[in-house]
Amino acid sequence: MSQKLSNSLDRILTLEIVRVTERTAMAAARQRGHGDERAADQAAVDAMRSELNQLPVQGTIMIGEGERDEAPMLYIGEEVGSGKGPRVDIAADPLEGTTMCAKNQTNSLACIAISEQGGLLNAPDVYMDKIAIGPGFAPGLVDLDATPTDNIRALAKAKGVPVSAITACILDRPRHARLIDEVRGLGASIRLIGDGDIAGVIQTTDPEETGIDIYLGVGGAPEGVLAAAALRCLGGQMQGRLMINRPDQVERARRMGISDVTKKYVMEDMAQGDVLFAATGVTKGNLLDGVRFKNGKIITDTVVMRSWTGTVRRIKAEHIDRDRHDAI
């Protein structure tokens, strides 16, 4: 990691990327509760792409809305930014929790991660098996290849609490039926979430505030990379393995430079070097407040962090509601 590039990321981008997620969240929030997932997602994608192209970087989308032929905007491999400044990799999830936004449920976010070139795993849009815990534990305390029972017992022992005091965050999906039965059979608690596993992973970093001690289960690989970027800044441990079973998935992974589709990735494999991460709440959640429209203003709540310095900033911002003023 070069000193020159790190200073450039710090000086220019740490606060610039906040504008990206703020504008994206505001656009998505106007679709909040309308029941139209496609409209909410499109509003977020359009806003994020517009803001990204104003950043003083030469950026490449490593995690986006799909491959070039499948996504009209923010496709994997797309070049964004002003074309001037450092070359960076970008992972973008314009609307994490599309369903939650459409239904006006909790924990919908606009997220982005930026790293030095070559810092982010170019993961295909497939599922990923994941495990994550917060900071303060011995390396390797939990392992993706261990059973959920062994991992929860190891975590409880390290925390000095009974297993019944441990809460696991798991996506509420039929594929997790056995996992849920095992965790509950062990005596641990479960926080089931309908969507939003980036927020689920991040919440393991502050269990006293969030009540989440460990994240378990299968979610999206792109979301896994974004969550790993956040943990690089906040501290913690995470592992992931791509769930690749079909020949077309193997071929897609090969095109992205992944030769070993069974590899177990640690956090540093997914997000390495100097990493910036920002998220703005779209709907109210455990991590961030949602966008609020109030008296001609828009109020946003954002967290932005950087791995190189370990700095975490919470930014409450007020913006003029230009759409409202233009309509008057």
Foldseek 3Di string as FASTA:
>chain_A
DDPVQVVQCVPFPLVLVQVLFVQLLVQLLVLFQQLDLVNSQVSLQVSNQVSQQAGQEFEFELAADAAPVPDVGSHHGDTHYVNHDAYKYKQWDSWFCSVCRNNLHADIKGKMKIFHPPFAQSDHWAKKWKKWAAADDDPPLDDPPDQPLSSLVSLCVRVVHDSLQAEEEEEPDPVCPVVVCVSVVSNYHYDYDPTRVLVVRVCNHPCVQNVHGMYGGMDTPSSVLLSLLVCLLSPIKMKMAGDDDDPVSCVVCVVSVDNDNGDIDISSNRGHDKMKMKMKASPCYSVFHHWDDDDQKIWIWMWMGINVVSDIDIDIDIGGNVVVVVVD
